Each structure stands twice: as structure tokens, then as C-alpha cells.
Amino acid sequence: MAKKSVIQTDQAREFSETMDDLSRRKYAALLQLLEEQGFLRAPHAEKVAGQENLFALRVMTQGNYRYFYCYDTGTIVFVLSGYSKKSNEIPRREVARAVQIRKELGL
């Protein structure tokens, strides 16, 4: 797959500022990998069940974080939002928030 450009929304950028240094570095490394490869597979990412064009980026450190991202029709990946994972299931309100941001971007 071709190289992609990764763009973070304000929500994603603001959430990353709340993470510890190690988690932020791992997040940055995963974004770079996503840019270079154009896609990520487990254990770094997963498709969100029941959602079209919505994926979860996994930042697994002492604080377990997830970021939602999606693709445009070209070469851009949009990182929509992030949250701190505290249970086995993805919280519905977090999915709804990511879907709303995706709609606002027209994706």
C-alpha cells in the first residue's frame, strides 16, 4: 500500500497531551508506521466492529490508550479522537464521538 499522510484532529492532539511520555513516544512511533505502511494490523490496530471505515490504534503501555482513525478516498489518514481504555469493550460513547468527528470532516 502507498505511503499515507496522517492528520490529527484537535481532539486527538489534545488527548495525546494527557498521556505520559512513554505513551506519547509509542503513539508517535505508531503514527509514523501508519504513514509509512498506509495501514496497521494487530496488535497495533483493529477494525471497529459494526463501523465502516473506522479503526482503533492501540497504544499499549502502562496506560492503555486507543485512538480512532479513518481513511479518506486518497492518501490521508485522519486520527479522530482518543481515550483511555479501562474495559474489554470499546465504550459506545467513544465510538459515537469518533463517528461524529468523521461526519464533521465529511468522511
PDB file of N, CA and C in Angstrom:
ATOM      1  N   MET A   1       0.846  -1.174   0.000  1.00  0.00           N
ATOM      2  CA  MET A   1       0.000   0.000   0.000  1.00  0.00           C
ATOM      3  C   MET A   1       0.894   1.241   0.000  1.00  0.00           C
ATOM      4  N   ALA A   2       0.420   2.309  -0.599  1.00  0.00           N
ATOM      5  CA  ALA A   2       1.204   3.532  -0.734  1.00  0.00           C
ATOM      6  C   ALA A   2       1.309   4.288   0.582  1.00  0.00           C
ATOM      7  N   LYS A   3       2.327   5.101   0.656  1.00  0.00           N
ATOM      8  CA  LYS A   3       2.541   5.936   1.835  1.00  0.00           C
ATOM      9  C   LYS A   3       1.361   6.884   2.015  1.00  0.00           C
ATOM     10  N   LYS A   4       0.999   7.128   3.269  1.00  0.00           N
ATOM     11  CA  LYS A   4      -0.132   7.997   3.593  1.00  0.00           C
ATOM     12  C   LYS A   4       0.345   9.199   4.395  1.00  0.00           C
ATOM     13  N   SER A   5      -0.453  10.238   4.399  1.00  0.00           N
ATOM     14  CA  SER A   5      -0.237  11.385   5.279  1.00  0.00           C
ATOM     15  C   SER A   5      -1.194  11.241   6.450  1.00  0.00           C
ATOM     16  N   VAL A   6      -0.698  11.431   7.646  1.00  0.00           N
ATOM     17  CA  VAL A   6      -1.528  11.306   8.840  1.00  0.00           C
ATOM     18  C   VAL A   6      -1.820  12.700   9.377  1.00  0.00           C
ATOM     19  N   ILE A   7      -3.100  12.977   9.566  1.00  0.00           N
ATOM     20  CA  ILE A   7      -3.536  14.260  10.111  1.00  0.00           C
ATOM     21  C   ILE A   7      -4.314  13.977  11.390  1.00  0.00           C
ATOM     22  N   GLN A   8      -3.926  14.651  12.457  1.00  0.00           N
ATOM     23  CA  GLN A   8      -4.624  14.510  13.729  1.00  0.00           C
ATOM     24  C   GLN A   8      -5.635  15.640  13.900  1.00  0.00           C
ATOM     25  N   THR A   9      -6.819  15.307  14.368  1.00  0.00           N
ATOM     26  CA  THR A   9      -7.786  16.351  14.719  1.00  0.00           C
ATOM     27  C   THR A   9      -7.328  17.011  16.009  1.00  0.00           C
ATOM     28  N   ASP A  10      -7.923  18.140  16.323  1.00  0.00           N
ATOM     29  CA  ASP A  10      -7.608  18.815  17.588  1.00  0.00           C
ATOM     30  C   ASP A  10      -7.901  17.902  18.772  1.00  0.00           C
ATOM     31  N   GLN A  11      -8.998  17.132  18.693  1.00  0.00           N
ATOM     32  CA  GLN A  11      -9.368  16.233  19.783  1.00  0.00           C
ATOM     33  C   GLN A  11      -8.281  15.195  20.026  1.00  0.00           C
ATOM     34  N   ALA A  12      -7.743  14.620  18.964  1.00  0.00           N
ATOM     35  CA  ALA A  12      -6.698  13.604  19.097  1.00  0.00           C
ATOM     36  C   ALA A  12      -5.423  14.226  19.644  1.00  0.00           C
ATOM     37  N   ARG A  13      -5.060  15.384  19.145  1.00  0.00           N
ATOM     38  CA  ARG A  13      -3.842  16.059  19.592  1.00  0.00           C
ATOM     39  C   ARG A  13      -3.951  16.440  21.069  1.00  0.00           C
ATOM     40  N   GLU A  14      -5.097  16.968  21.475  1.00  0.00           N
ATOM     41  CA  GLU A  14      -5.290  17.360  22.874  1.00  0.00           C
ATOM     42  C   GLU A  14      -5.240  16.134  23.792  1.00  0.00           C
ATOM     43  N   PHE A  15      -5.824  15.018  23.350  1.00  0.00           N
ATOM     44  CA  PHE A  15      -5.788  13.823  24.187  1.00  0.00           C
ATOM     45  C   PHE A  15      -4.353  13.316  24.330  1.00  0.00           C
ATOM     46  N   SER A  16      -3.572  13.375  23.270  1.00  0.00           N
ATOM     47  CA  SER A  16      -2.199  12.876  23.357  1.00  0.00           C
ATOM     48  C   SER A  16      -1.376  13.658  24.377  1.00  0.00           C
ATOM     49  N   GLU A  17      -1.734  14.904  24.600  1.00  0.00           N
ATOM     50  CA  GLU A  17      -1.024  15.729  25.578  1.00  0.00           C
ATOM     51  C   GLU A  17      -1.288  15.278  27.013  1.00  0.00           C
ATOM     52  N   THR A  18      -2.329  14.482  27.240  1.00  0.00           N
ATOM     53  CA  THR A  18      -2.642  13.993  28.587  1.00  0.00           C
ATOM     54  C   THR A  18      -1.891  12.706  28.923  1.00  0.00           C
ATOM     55  N   MET A  19      -1.256  12.097  27.943  1.00  0.00           N
ATOM     56  CA  MET A  19      -0.566  10.822  28.160  1.00  0.00           C
ATOM     57  C   MET A  19       0.828  11.042  28.734  1.00  0.00           C
ATOM     58  N   ASP A  20       1.364  10.002  29.363  1.00  0.00           N
ATOM     59  CA  ASP A  20       2.732  10.059  29.873  1.00  0.00           C
ATOM     60  C   ASP A  20       3.713  10.032  28.691  1.00  0.00           C
ATOM     61  N   ASP A  21       4.983  10.346  28.968  1.00  0.00           N
ATOM     62  CA  ASP A  21       5.997  10.461  27.913  1.00  0.00           C
ATOM     63  C   ASP A  21       6.181   9.172  27.114  1.00  0.00           C
ATOM     64  N   LEU A  22       6.266   8.040  27.790  1.00  0.00           N
ATOM     65  CA  LEU A  22       6.448   6.764  27.095  1.00  0.00           C
ATOM     66  C   LEU A  22       5.291   6.486  26.141  1.00  0.00           C
ATOM     67  N   SER A  23       4.074   6.724  26.591  1.00  0.00           N
ATOM     68  CA  SER A  23       2.899   6.502  25.746  1.00  0.00           C
ATOM     69  C   SER A  23       2.887   7.440  24.558  1.00  0.00           C
ATOM     70  N   ARG A  24       3.276   8.698  24.786  1.00  0.00           N
ATOM     71  CA  ARG A  24       3.339   9.665  23.679  1.00  0.00           C
ATOM     72  C   ARG A  24       4.363   9.248  22.636  1.00  0.00           C
ATOM     73  N   ARG A  25       5.508   8.744  23.097  1.00  0.00           N
ATOM     74  CA  ARG A  25       6.538   8.286  22.149  1.00  0.00           C
ATOM     75  C   ARG A  25       6.044   7.074  21.355  1.00  0.00           C
ATOM     76  N   LYS A  26       5.381   6.163  22.029  1.00  0.00           N
ATOM     77  CA  LYS A  26       4.857   4.990  21.338  1.00  0.00           C
ATOM     78  C   LYS A  26       3.775   5.402  20.334  1.00  0.00           C
ATOM     79  N   TYR A  27       2.925   6.336  20.716  1.00  0.00           N
ATOM     80  CA  TYR A  27       1.895   6.857  19.822  1.00  0.00           C
ATOM     81  C   TYR A  27       2.532   7.485  18.581  1.00  0.00           C
ATOM     82  N   ALA A  28       3.560   8.294  18.775  1.00  0.00           N
ATOM     83  CA  ALA A  28       4.258   8.927  17.648  1.00  0.00           C
ATOM     84  C   ALA A  28       4.874   7.879  16.738  1.00  0.00           C
ATOM     85  N   ALA A  29       5.447   6.825  17.317  1.00  0.00           N
ATOM     86  CA  ALA A  29       6.044   5.751  16.512  1.00  0.00           C
ATOM     87  C   ALA A  29       4.979   5.019  15.707  1.00  0.00           C
ATOM     88  N   LEU A  30       3.806   4.810  16.301  1.00  0.00           N
ATOM     89  CA  LEU A  30       2.723   4.139  15.575  1.00  0.00           C
ATOM     90  C   LEU A  30       2.190   5.012  14.443  1.00  0.00           C
ATOM     91  N   LEU A  31       2.116   6.321  14.666  1.00  0.00           N
ATOM     92  CA  LEU A  31       1.688   7.224  13.590  1.00  0.00           C
ATOM     93  C   LEU A  31       2.681   7.195  12.439  1.00  0.00           C
ATOM     94  N   GLN A  32       3.963   7.153  12.761  1.00  0.00           N
ATOM     95  CA  GLN A  32       4.987   7.086  11.718  1.00  0.00           C
ATOM     96  C   GLN A  32       4.863   5.770  10.938  1.00  0.00           C
ATOM     97  N   LEU A  33       4.642   4.684  11.635  1.00  0.00           N
ATOM     98  CA  LEU A  33       4.457   3.383  10.992  1.00  0.00           C
ATOM     99  C   LEU A  33       3.219   3.394  10.093  1.00  0.00           C
ATOM    100  N   LEU A  34       2.152   4.016  10.570  1.00  0.00           N
ATOM    101  CA  LEU A  34       0.930   4.132   9.773  1.00  0.00           C
ATOM    102  C   LEU A  34       1.191   4.954   8.516  1.00  0.00           C
ATOM    103  N   GLU A  35       1.964   6.017   8.645  1.00  0.00           N
ATOM    104  CA  GLU A  35       2.327   6.832   7.477  1.00  0.00           C
ATOM    105  C   GLU A  35       3.120   6.024   6.458  1.00  0.00           C
ATOM    106  N   GLU A  36       4.101   5.290   6.944  1.00  0.00           N
ATOM    107  CA  GLU A  36       4.988   4.540   6.054  1.00  0.00           C
ATOM    108  C   GLU A  36       4.291   3.366   5.380  1.00  0.00           C
ATOM    109  N   GLN A  37       3.509   2.623   6.135  1.00  0.00           N
ATOM    110  CA  GLN A  37       2.884   1.417   5.603  1.00  0.00           C
ATOM    111  C   GLN A  37       1.502   1.666   5.007  1.00  0.00           C
ATOM    112  N   GLY A  38       0.828   2.718   5.447  1.00  0.00           N
ATOM    113  CA  GLY A  38      -0.503   3.015   4.946  1.00  0.00           C
ATOM    114  C   GLY A  38      -1.605   2.267   5.673  1.00  0.00           C
ATOM    115  N   PHE A  39      -1.243   1.264   6.463  1.00  0.00           N
ATOM    116  CA  PHE A  39      -2.216   0.513   7.253  1.00  0.00           C
ATOM    117  C   PHE A  39      -1.474  -0.184   8.385  1.00  0.00           C
ATOM    118  N   LEU A  40      -2.211  -0.575   9.398  1.00  0.00           N
ATOM    119  CA  LEU A  40      -1.640  -1.329  10.510  1.00  0.00           C
ATOM    120  C   LEU A  40      -2.511  -2.533  10.796  1.00  0.00           C
ATOM    121  N   ARG A  41      -1.889  -3.585  11.283  1.00  0.00           N
ATOM    122  CA  ARG A  41      -2.605  -4.798  11.676  1.00  0.00           C
ATOM    123  C   ARG A  41      -2.390  -5.050  13.158  1.00  0.00           C
ATOM    124  N   ALA A  42      -3.096  -6.050  13.676  1.00  0.00           N
ATOM    125  CA  ALA A  42      -2.933  -6.440  15.079  1.00  0.00           C
ATOM    126  C   ALA A  42      -1.474  -6.787  15.319  1.00  0.00           C
ATOM    127  N   PRO A  43      -0.927  -6.456  16.416  1.00  0.00           N
ATOM    128  CA  PRO A  43      -1.552  -5.925  17.627  1.00  0.00           C
ATOM    129  C   PRO A  43      -1.611  -4.402  17.673  1.00  0.00           C
ATOM    130  N   HIS A  44      -1.185  -3.724  16.611  1.00  0.00           N
ATOM    131  CA  HIS A  44      -1.134  -2.262  16.625  1.00  0.00           C
ATOM    132  C   HIS A  44      -2.475  -1.593  16.357  1.00  0.00           C
ATOM    133  N   ALA A  45      -3.349  -2.269  15.644  1.00  0.00           N
ATOM    134  CA  ALA A  45      -4.625  -1.658  15.280  1.00  0.00           C
ATOM    135  C   ALA A  45      -5.659  -2.738  15.027  1.00  0.00           C
ATOM    136  N   GLU A  46      -6.924  -2.316  15.000  1.00  0.00           N
ATOM    137  CA  GLU A  46      -8.021  -3.235  14.703  1.00  0.00           C
ATOM    138  C   GLU A  46      -9.169  -2.452  14.098  1.00  0.00           C
ATOM    139  N   LYS A  47      -9.962  -3.121  13.277  1.00  0.00           N
ATOM    140  CA  LYS A  47     -11.168  -2.515  12.727  1.00  0.00           C
ATOM    141  C   LYS A  47     -12.214  -2.489  13.821  1.00  0.00           C
ATOM    142  N   VAL A  48     -12.971  -1.405  13.909  1.00  0.00           N
ATOM    143  CA  VAL A  48     -14.037  -1.301  14.906  1.00  0.00           C
ATOM    144  C   VAL A  48     -15.255  -2.038  14.353  1.00  0.00           C
ATOM    145  N   ALA A  49     -15.683  -3.058  15.069  1.00  0.00           N
ATOM    146  CA  ALA A  49     -16.808  -3.896  14.631  1.00  0.00           C
ATOM    147  C   ALA A  49     -18.064  -3.051  14.457  1.00  0.00           C
ATOM    148  N   GLY A  50     -18.760  -3.310  13.366  1.00  0.00           N
ATOM    149  CA  GLY A  50     -20.018  -2.630  13.096  1.00  0.00           C
ATOM    150  C   GLY A  50     -19.872  -1.234  12.523  1.00  0.00           C
ATOM    151  N   GLN A  51     -18.663  -0.812  12.239  1.00  0.00           N
ATOM    152  CA  GLN A  51     -18.430   0.530  11.701  1.00  0.00           C
ATOM    153  C   GLN A  51     -17.634   0.441  10.409  1.00  0.00           C
ATOM    154  N   GLU A  52     -18.081   1.176   9.430  1.00  0.00           N
ATOM    155  CA  GLU A  52     -17.355   1.222   8.166  1.00  0.00           C
ATOM    156  C   GLU A  52     -16.294   2.320   8.249  1.00  0.00           C
ATOM    157  N   ASN A  53     -15.092   2.014   7.785  1.00  0.00           N
ATOM    158  CA  ASN A  53     -14.001   2.980   7.735  1.00  0.00           C
ATOM    159  C   ASN A  53     -13.705   3.592   9.108  1.00  0.00           C
ATOM    160  N   LEU A  54     -13.664   2.753  10.132  1.00  0.00           N
ATOM    161  CA  LEU A  54     -13.278   3.211  11.459  1.00  0.00           C
ATOM    162  C   LEU A  54     -12.393   2.147  12.094  1.00  0.00           C
ATOM    163  N   PHE A  55     -11.215   2.580  12.532  1.00  0.00           N
ATOM    164  CA  PHE A  55     -10.214   1.676  13.076  1.00  0.00           C
ATOM    165  C   PHE A  55      -9.728   2.205  14.412  1.00  0.00           C
ATOM    166  N   ALA A  56      -9.210   1.307  15.244  1.00  0.00           N
ATOM    167  CA  ALA A  56      -8.681   1.698  16.545  1.00  0.00           C
ATOM    168  C   ALA A  56      -7.185   1.429  16.578  1.00  0.00           C
ATOM    169  N   LEU A  57      -6.420   2.447  16.855  1.00  0.00           N
ATOM    170  CA  LEU A  57      -4.971   2.355  17.027  1.00  0.00           C
ATOM    171  C   LEU A  57      -4.709   2.040  18.494  1.00  0.00           C
ATOM    172  N   ARG A  58      -3.900   1.029  18.758  1.00  0.00           N
ATOM    173  CA  ARG A  58      -3.652   0.587  20.133  1.00  0.00           C
ATOM    174  C   ARG A  58      -2.298   1.069  20.628  1.00  0.00           C
ATOM    175  N   VAL A  59      -2.313   1.890  21.660  1.00  0.00           N
ATOM    176  CA  VAL A  59      -1.093   2.342  22.313  1.00  0.00           C
ATOM    177  C   VAL A  59      -1.046   1.592  23.640  1.00  0.00           C
ATOM    178  N   MET A  60      -0.294   0.502  23.647  1.00  0.00           N
ATOM    179  CA  MET A  60      -0.277  -0.369  24.819  1.00  0.00           C
ATOM    180  C   MET A  60       0.970  -0.114  25.658  1.00  0.00           C
ATOM    181  N   THR A  61       0.752   0.586  26.749  1.00  0.00           N
ATOM    182  CA  THR A  61       1.793   0.864  27.733  1.00  0.00           C
ATOM    183  C   THR A  61       1.141   0.647  29.095  1.00  0.00           C
ATOM    184  N   GLN A  62       1.707   1.204  30.148  1.00  0.00           N
ATOM    185  CA  GLN A  62       1.059   1.080  31.456  1.00  0.00           C
ATOM    186  C   GLN A  62      -0.333   1.687  31.419  1.00  0.00           C
ATOM    187  N   GLY A  63      -0.480   2.798  30.742  1.00  0.00           N
ATOM    188  CA  GLY A  63      -1.792   3.360  30.467  1.00  0.00           C
ATOM    189  C   GLY A  63      -2.199   2.812  29.114  1.00  0.00           C
ATOM    190  N   ASN A  64      -3.324   2.161  29.036  1.00  0.00           N
ATOM    191  CA  ASN A  64      -3.761   1.515  27.807  1.00  0.00           C
ATOM    192  C   ASN A  64      -4.642   2.493  27.034  1.00  0.00           C
ATOM    193  N   TYR A  65      -4.172   2.985  25.891  1.00  0.00           N
ATOM    194  CA  TYR A  65      -4.872   4.022  25.145  1.00  0.00           C
ATOM    195  C   TYR A  65      -5.314   3.521  23.784  1.00  0.00           C
ATOM    196  N   ARG A  66      -6.390   4.106  23.279  1.00  0.00           N
ATOM    197  CA  ARG A  66      -6.875   3.818  21.933  1.00  0.00           C
ATOM    198  C   ARG A  66      -7.161   5.142  21.233  1.00  0.00           C
ATOM    199  N   TYR A  67      -6.895   5.135  19.929  1.00  0.00           N
ATOM    200  CA  TYR A  67      -7.225   6.263  19.070  1.00  0.00           C
ATOM    201  C   TYR A  67      -8.044   5.739  17.912  1.00  0.00           C
ATOM    202  N   PHE A  68      -9.083   6.457  17.546  1.00  0.00           N
ATOM    203  CA  PHE A  68      -9.862   6.094  16.370  1.00  0.00           C
ATOM    204  C   PHE A  68      -9.307   6.831  15.166  1.00  0.00           C
ATOM    205  N   TYR A  69      -9.253   6.131  14.049  1.00  0.00           N
ATOM    206  CA  TYR A  69      -8.811   6.769  12.817  1.00  0.00           C
ATOM    207  C   TYR A  69      -9.602   6.222  11.642  1.00  0.00           C
ATOM    208  N   CYS A  70      -9.566   6.975  10.534  1.00  0.00           N
ATOM    209  CA  CYS A  70     -10.257   6.558   9.314  1.00  0.00           C
ATOM    210  C   CYS A  70      -9.450   7.054   8.117  1.00  0.00           C
ATOM    211  N   TYR A  71      -9.834   6.596   6.954  1.00  0.00           N
ATOM    212  CA  TYR A  71      -9.153   6.955   5.708  1.00  0.00           C
ATOM    213  C   TYR A  71     -10.058   7.842   4.859  1.00  0.00           C
ATOM    214  N   ASP A  72      -9.445   8.747   4.114  1.00  0.00           N
ATOM    215  CA  ASP A  72     -10.211   9.442   3.085  1.00  0.00           C
ATOM    216  C   ASP A  72     -10.124   8.580   1.832  1.00  0.00           C
ATOM    217  N   THR A  73     -10.567   9.080   0.705  1.00  0.00           N
ATOM    218  CA  THR A  73     -10.526   8.278  -0.520  1.00  0.00           C
ATOM    219  C   THR A  73      -9.159   8.323  -1.202  1.00  0.00           C
ATOM    220  N   GLY A  74      -8.266   9.131  -0.677  1.00  0.00           N
ATOM    221  CA  GLY A  74      -6.945   9.272  -1.277  1.00  0.00           C
ATOM    222  C   GLY A  74      -5.835   8.774  -0.388  1.00  0.00           C
ATOM    223  N   THR A  75      -4.958   9.685  -0.026  1.00  0.00           N
ATOM    224  CA  THR A  75      -3.745   9.287   0.689  1.00  0.00           C
ATOM    225  C   THR A  75      -3.670   9.842   2.107  1.00  0.00           C
ATOM    226  N   ILE A  76      -4.809  10.182   2.694  1.00  0.00           N
ATOM    227  CA  ILE A  76      -4.808  10.785   4.020  1.00  0.00           C
ATOM    228  C   ILE A  76      -5.481   9.871   5.037  1.00  0.00           C
ATOM    229  N   VAL A  77      -4.850   9.768   6.205  1.00  0.00           N
ATOM    230  CA  VAL A  77      -5.424   9.070   7.350  1.00  0.00           C
ATOM    231  C   VAL A  77      -5.732  10.136   8.389  1.00  0.00           C
ATOM    232  N   PHE A  78      -6.971  10.155   8.883  1.00  0.00           N
ATOM    233  CA  PHE A  78      -7.368  11.110   9.903  1.00  0.00           C
ATOM    234  C   PHE A  78      -7.456  10.412  11.244  1.00  0.00           C
ATOM    235  N   VAL A  79      -6.677  10.883  12.222  1.00  0.00           N
ATOM    236  CA  VAL A  79      -6.791  10.389  13.595  1.00  0.00           C
ATOM    237  C   VAL A  79      -7.850  11.268  14.247  1.00  0.00           C
ATOM    238  N   LEU A  80      -8.964  10.650  14.632  1.00  0.00           N
ATOM    239  CA  LEU A  80     -10.148  11.388  15.044  1.00  0.00           C
ATOM    240  C   LEU A  80     -10.168  11.761  16.522  1.00  0.00           C
ATOM    241  N   SER A  81      -9.964  10.780  17.387  1.00  0.00           N
ATOM    242  CA  SER A  81     -10.049  11.020  18.832  1.00  0.00           C
ATOM    243  C   SER A  81      -9.355   9.893  19.570  1.00  0.00           C
ATOM    244  N   GLY A  82      -9.139  10.098  20.860  1.00  0.00           N
ATOM    245  CA  GLY A  82      -8.502   9.077  21.673  1.00  0.00           C
ATOM    246  C   GLY A  82      -9.187   8.955  23.018  1.00  0.00           C
ATOM    247  N   TYR A  83      -8.921   7.852  23.689  1.00  0.00           N
ATOM    248  CA  TYR A  83      -9.452   7.647  25.034  1.00  0.00           C
ATOM    249  C   TYR A  83      -8.576   6.645  25.775  1.00  0.00           C
ATOM    250  N   SER A  84      -8.726   6.638  27.080  1.00  0.00           N
ATOM    251  CA  SER A  84      -8.009   5.704  27.930  1.00  0.00           C
ATOM    252  C   SER A  84      -8.871   4.461  28.097  1.00  0.00           C
ATOM    253  N   LYS A  85      -8.337   3.318  27.702  1.00  0.00           N
ATOM    254  CA  LYS A  85      -9.097   2.069  27.732  1.00  0.00           C
ATOM    255  C   LYS A  85      -9.093   1.504  29.143  1.00  0.00           C
ATOM    256  N   LYS A  86     -10.289   1.230  29.664  1.00  0.00           N
ATOM    257  CA  LYS A  86     -10.410   0.717  31.026  1.00  0.00           C
ATOM    258  C   LYS A  86     -11.197  -0.582  31.096  1.00  0.00           C
ATOM    259  N   SER A  87     -11.752  -1.037  29.971  1.00  0.00           N
ATOM    260  CA  SER A  87     -12.517  -2.281  29.974  1.00  0.00           C
ATOM    261  C   SER A  87     -12.235  -3.031  28.677  1.00  0.00           C
ATOM    262  N   ASN A  88     -12.777  -4.225  28.559  1.00  0.00           N
ATOM    263  CA  ASN A  88     -12.543  -5.030  27.364  1.00  0.00           C
ATOM    264  C   ASN A  88     -13.302  -4.518  26.146  1.00  0.00           C
ATOM    265  N   GLU A  89     -14.400  -3.842  26.363  1.00  0.00           N
ATOM    266  CA  GLU A  89     -15.211  -3.348  25.250  1.00  0.00           C
ATOM    267  C   GLU A  89     -14.929  -1.879  24.975  1.00  0.00           C
ATOM    268  N   ILE A  90     -15.091  -1.501  23.716  1.00  0.00           N
ATOM    269  CA  ILE A  90     -14.953  -0.097  23.341  1.00  0.00           C
ATOM    270  C   ILE A  90     -16.231   0.620  23.787  1.00  0.00           C
ATOM    271  N   PRO A  91     -16.113   1.675  24.595  1.00  0.00           N
ATOM    272  CA  PRO A  91     -17.299   2.408  25.046  1.00  0.00           C
ATOM    273  C   PRO A  91     -18.078   2.995  23.869  1.00  0.00           C
ATOM    274  N   ARG A  92     -19.381   2.799  23.878  1.00  0.00           N
ATOM    275  CA  ARG A  92     -20.229   3.297  22.780  1.00  0.00           C
ATOM    276  C   ARG A  92     -20.116   4.795  22.595  1.00  0.00           C
ATOM    277  N   ARG A  93     -20.013   5.518  23.719  1.00  0.00           N
ATOM    278  CA  ARG A  93     -19.938   6.988  23.588  1.00  0.00           C
ATOM    279  C   ARG A  93     -18.656   7.416  22.882  1.00  0.00           C
ATOM    280  N   GLU A  94     -17.569   6.652  23.045  1.00  0.00           N
ATOM    281  CA  GLU A  94     -16.313   6.972  22.359  1.00  0.00           C
ATOM    282  C   GLU A  94     -16.429   6.702  20.861  1.00  0.00           C
ATOM    283  N   VAL A  95     -17.107   5.608  20.507  1.00  0.00           N
ATOM    284  CA  VAL A  95     -17.341   5.305  19.092  1.00  0.00           C
ATOM    285  C   VAL A  95     -18.226   6.395  18.486  1.00  0.00           C
ATOM    286  N   ALA A  96     -19.282   6.760  19.197  1.00  0.00           N
ATOM    287  CA  ALA A  96     -20.197   7.795  18.701  1.00  0.00           C
ATOM    288  C   ALA A  96     -19.465   9.120  18.502  1.00  0.00           C
ATOM    289  N   ARG A  97     -18.574   9.438  19.412  1.00  0.00           N
ATOM    290  CA  ARG A  97     -17.790  10.675  19.293  1.00  0.00           C
ATOM    291  C   ARG A  97     -16.902  10.642  18.050  1.00  0.00           C
ATOM    292  N   ALA A  98     -16.231   9.517  17.812  1.00  0.00           N
ATOM    293  CA  ALA A  98     -15.378   9.382  16.632  1.00  0.00           C
ATOM    294  C   ALA A  98     -16.196   9.457  15.345  1.00  0.00           C
ATOM    295  N   VAL A  99     -17.352   8.813  15.346  1.00  0.00           N
ATOM    296  CA  VAL A  99     -18.226   8.840  14.163  1.00  0.00           C
ATOM    297  C   VAL A  99     -18.696  10.273  13.896  1.00  0.00           C
ATOM    298  N   GLN A 100     -19.017  11.018  14.943  1.00  0.00           N
ATOM    299  CA  GLN A 100     -19.448  12.406  14.787  1.00  0.00           C
ATOM    300  C   GLN A 100     -18.319  13.253  14.196  1.00  0.00           C
ATOM    301  N   ILE A 101     -17.109  13.085  14.679  1.00  0.00           N
ATOM    302  CA  ILE A 101     -15.970  13.836  14.143  1.00  0.00           C
ATOM    303  C   ILE A 101     -15.747  13.464  12.682  1.00  0.00           C
ATOM    304  N   ARG A 102     -15.861  12.181  12.370  1.00  0.00           N
ATOM    305  CA  ARG A 102     -15.694  11.737  10.984  1.00  0.00           C
ATOM    306  C   ARG A 102     -16.742  12.395  10.082  1.00  0.00           C
ATOM    307  N   LYS A 103     -17.983  12.460  10.548  1.00  0.00           N
ATOM    308  CA  LYS A 103     -19.055  13.117   9.777  1.00  0.00           C
ATOM    309  C   LYS A 103     -18.744  14.595   9.568  1.00  0.00           C
ATOM    310  N   GLU A 104     -18.277  15.267  10.636  1.00  0.00           N
ATOM    311  CA  GLU A 104     -17.939  16.690  10.526  1.00  0.00           C
ATOM    312  C   GLU A 104     -16.839  16.933   9.499  1.00  0.00           C
ATOM    313  N   LEU A 105     -15.943  15.951   9.347  1.00  0.00           N
ATOM    314  CA  LEU A 105     -14.877  16.058   8.348  1.00  0.00           C
ATOM    315  C   LEU A 105     -15.362  15.684   6.938  1.00  0.00           C
ATOM    316  N   GLY A 106     -16.583  15.189   6.862  1.00  0.00           N
ATOM    317  CA  GLY A 106     -17.135  14.794   5.561  1.00  0.00           C
ATOM    318  C   GLY A 106     -16.612  13.470   5.044  1.00  0.00           C
ATOM    319  N   LEU A 107     -16.243  12.586   5.954  1.00  0.00           N
ATOM    320  CA  LEU A 107     -15.670  11.282   5.563  1.00  0.00           C
ATOM    321  C   LEU A 107     -16.655  10.149   5.775  1.00  0.00           C
TER     322      LEU A 107
END
